[in-house]
Amino acid sequence: MEAQVLPPSLQDVVDRILTSRRITRLDQRLLVSLANLSREEQALLNEVFDRLRRGLLRVVD
């Protein structure tokens, strides 16, 4: 039986982005593609994109 690898949670992804102050293009595409988010998840995404707009995150490839 193979162990199933679960994708990281939205919270994990956002924490990594905010801690490193870097966001990859893949991260951006993933976050933009999310739908049907809870209010808490929407707040997390708003925090990431707000910091991106203010220049507090660096986009890396």
N, C-alpha and C. Protein backbone atom coordinates (compact mmCIF):
# COMPACT_ATOMS: atom_id res chain seq x y z
N MET A 1 0.84 -1.16 0.00
CA MET A 1 0.00 0.00 0.00
C MET A 1 0.89 1.24 0.00
N GLU A 2 0.63 2.17 -0.91
CA GLU A 2 1.41 3.39 -1.02
C GLU A 2 0.83 4.47 -0.13
N ALA A 3 1.69 5.24 0.47
CA ALA A 3 1.23 6.37 1.27
C ALA A 3 0.77 7.48 0.34
N GLN A 4 -0.38 8.03 0.66
CA GLN A 4 -0.91 9.11 -0.16
C GLN A 4 -0.34 10.43 0.33
N VAL A 5 0.20 11.20 -0.60
CA VAL A 5 0.77 12.50 -0.26
C VAL A 5 -0.31 13.54 -0.45
N LEU A 6 -0.62 14.22 0.64
CA LEU A 6 -1.64 15.25 0.58
C LEU A 6 -1.01 16.58 0.20
N PRO A 7 -1.73 17.37 -0.61
CA PRO A 7 -1.19 18.68 -0.95
C PRO A 7 -1.17 19.56 0.29
N PRO A 8 -0.28 20.53 0.32
CA PRO A 8 -0.23 21.41 1.49
C PRO A 8 -1.53 22.20 1.61
N SER A 9 -1.90 22.53 2.82
CA SER A 9 -3.11 23.31 3.03
C SER A 9 -2.87 24.75 2.59
N LEU A 10 -3.94 25.46 2.37
CA LEU A 10 -3.83 26.86 2.00
C LEU A 10 -3.07 27.62 3.08
N GLN A 11 -3.35 27.30 4.33
CA GLN A 11 -2.65 27.95 5.45
C GLN A 11 -1.15 27.70 5.36
N ASP A 12 -0.76 26.46 5.04
CA ASP A 12 0.67 26.13 4.92
C ASP A 12 1.33 26.93 3.80
N VAL A 13 0.65 27.02 2.66
CA VAL A 13 1.20 27.75 1.51
C VAL A 13 1.35 29.23 1.86
N VAL A 14 0.31 29.81 2.44
CA VAL A 14 0.35 31.23 2.79
C VAL A 14 1.43 31.48 3.84
N ASP A 15 1.52 30.63 4.84
CA ASP A 15 2.56 30.79 5.86
C ASP A 15 3.95 30.77 5.24
N ARG A 16 4.17 29.84 4.31
CA ARG A 16 5.48 29.76 3.64
C ARG A 16 5.77 31.03 2.85
N ILE A 17 4.77 31.53 2.14
CA ILE A 17 4.94 32.74 1.33
C ILE A 17 5.25 33.94 2.22
N LEU A 18 4.47 34.11 3.28
CA LEU A 18 4.65 35.28 4.13
C LEU A 18 5.95 35.21 4.93
N THR A 19 6.34 34.02 5.34
CA THR A 19 7.58 33.86 6.10
C THR A 19 8.80 34.12 5.23
N SER A 20 8.79 33.58 4.01
CA SER A 20 9.94 33.74 3.12
C SER A 20 9.93 35.09 2.39
N ARG A 21 8.75 35.73 2.37
CA ARG A 21 8.55 36.97 1.63
C ARG A 21 8.82 36.79 0.15
N ARG A 22 8.53 35.58 -0.32
CA ARG A 22 8.69 35.24 -1.75
C ARG A 22 7.50 34.43 -2.20
N ILE A 23 7.09 34.65 -3.43
CA ILE A 23 5.99 33.90 -4.01
C ILE A 23 6.40 33.49 -5.42
N THR A 24 6.18 32.25 -5.76
CA THR A 24 6.54 31.77 -7.10
C THR A 24 5.35 31.98 -8.04
N ARG A 25 5.63 31.91 -9.31
CA ARG A 25 4.56 32.00 -10.31
C ARG A 25 3.58 30.84 -10.11
N LEU A 26 4.11 29.68 -9.76
CA LEU A 26 3.24 28.53 -9.50
C LEU A 26 2.32 28.81 -8.31
N ASP A 27 2.87 29.40 -7.25
CA ASP A 27 2.05 29.79 -6.10
C ASP A 27 0.94 30.73 -6.54
N GLN A 28 1.29 31.72 -7.33
CA GLN A 28 0.30 32.69 -7.80
C GLN A 28 -0.82 32.01 -8.58
N ARG A 29 -0.45 31.14 -9.50
CA ARG A 29 -1.46 30.44 -10.31
C ARG A 29 -2.36 29.59 -9.42
N LEU A 30 -1.77 28.91 -8.45
CA LEU A 30 -2.54 28.08 -7.54
C LEU A 30 -3.54 28.93 -6.76
N LEU A 31 -3.08 30.03 -6.20
CA LEU A 31 -3.96 30.86 -5.38
C LEU A 31 -5.08 31.49 -6.19
N VAL A 32 -4.77 31.91 -7.41
CA VAL A 32 -5.78 32.53 -8.26
C VAL A 32 -6.83 31.50 -8.70
N SER A 33 -6.43 30.24 -8.82
CA SER A 33 -7.34 29.21 -9.32
C SER A 33 -8.32 28.69 -8.27
N LEU A 34 -8.11 29.04 -7.02
CA LEU A 34 -8.97 28.53 -5.95
C LEU A 34 -10.36 29.15 -6.03
N ALA A 35 -11.37 28.35 -5.76
CA ALA A 35 -12.75 28.82 -5.76
C ALA A 35 -13.46 28.28 -4.52
N ASN A 36 -14.62 28.86 -4.24
CA ASN A 36 -15.44 28.42 -3.10
C ASN A 36 -14.66 28.44 -1.79
N LEU A 37 -14.04 29.56 -1.51
CA LEU A 37 -13.24 29.69 -0.30
C LEU A 37 -14.09 30.19 0.87
N SER A 38 -13.71 29.78 2.05
CA SER A 38 -14.36 30.29 3.25
C SER A 38 -13.88 31.73 3.47
N ARG A 39 -14.51 32.43 4.38
CA ARG A 39 -14.10 33.80 4.69
C ARG A 39 -12.66 33.84 5.20
N GLU A 40 -12.30 32.84 6.01
CA GLU A 40 -10.94 32.79 6.53
C GLU A 40 -9.92 32.59 5.42
N GLU A 41 -10.25 31.72 4.48
CA GLU A 41 -9.34 31.47 3.35
C GLU A 41 -9.25 32.70 2.46
N GLN A 42 -10.37 33.38 2.24
CA GLN A 42 -10.35 34.62 1.46
C GLN A 42 -9.47 35.66 2.13
N ALA A 43 -9.53 35.74 3.47
CA ALA A 43 -8.70 36.70 4.20
C ALA A 43 -7.22 36.37 4.03
N LEU A 44 -6.88 35.08 4.04
CA LEU A 44 -5.49 34.67 3.82
C LEU A 44 -4.99 35.13 2.45
N LEU A 45 -5.81 34.88 1.43
CA LEU A 45 -5.41 35.28 0.07
C LEU A 45 -5.31 36.80 -0.04
N ASN A 46 -6.24 37.50 0.57
CA ASN A 46 -6.18 38.96 0.53
C ASN A 46 -4.89 39.47 1.16
N GLU A 47 -4.45 38.84 2.24
CA GLU A 47 -3.21 39.24 2.89
C GLU A 47 -2.01 39.05 1.95
N VAL A 48 -1.96 37.91 1.27
CA VAL A 48 -0.86 37.65 0.33
C VAL A 48 -0.87 38.68 -0.80
N PHE A 49 -2.01 38.88 -1.43
CA PHE A 49 -2.05 39.79 -2.57
C PHE A 49 -1.88 41.24 -2.16
N ASP A 50 -2.31 41.60 -0.95
CA ASP A 50 -2.07 42.95 -0.45
C ASP A 50 -0.56 43.18 -0.27
N ARG A 51 0.12 42.22 0.33
CA ARG A 51 1.57 42.35 0.51
C ARG A 51 2.30 42.36 -0.83
N LEU A 52 1.79 41.60 -1.79
CA LEU A 52 2.39 41.59 -3.12
C LEU A 52 2.24 42.98 -3.77
N ARG A 53 1.07 43.56 -3.68
CA ARG A 53 0.82 44.89 -4.24
C ARG A 53 1.69 45.96 -3.57
N ARG A 54 1.92 45.83 -2.28
CA ARG A 54 2.72 46.82 -1.54
C ARG A 54 4.22 46.61 -1.69
N GLY A 55 4.60 45.59 -2.42
CA GLY A 55 6.01 45.34 -2.66
C GLY A 55 6.71 44.63 -1.51
N LEU A 56 5.95 44.02 -0.61
CA LEU A 56 6.53 43.34 0.52
C LEU A 56 6.86 41.88 0.23
N LEU A 57 6.42 41.39 -0.93
CA LEU A 57 6.76 40.04 -1.38
C LEU A 57 7.51 40.16 -2.69
N ARG A 58 8.44 39.28 -2.89
CA ARG A 58 9.19 39.24 -4.14
C ARG A 58 8.74 38.03 -4.94
N VAL A 59 8.44 38.24 -6.21
CA VAL A 59 8.06 37.14 -7.09
C VAL A 59 9.34 36.49 -7.60
N VAL A 60 9.43 35.17 -7.41
CA VAL A 60 10.60 34.43 -7.86
C VAL A 60 10.14 33.30 -8.77
N ASP A 61 11.02 32.87 -9.65
CA ASP A 61 10.70 31.75 -10.55
C ASP A 61 11.32 30.48 -10.06
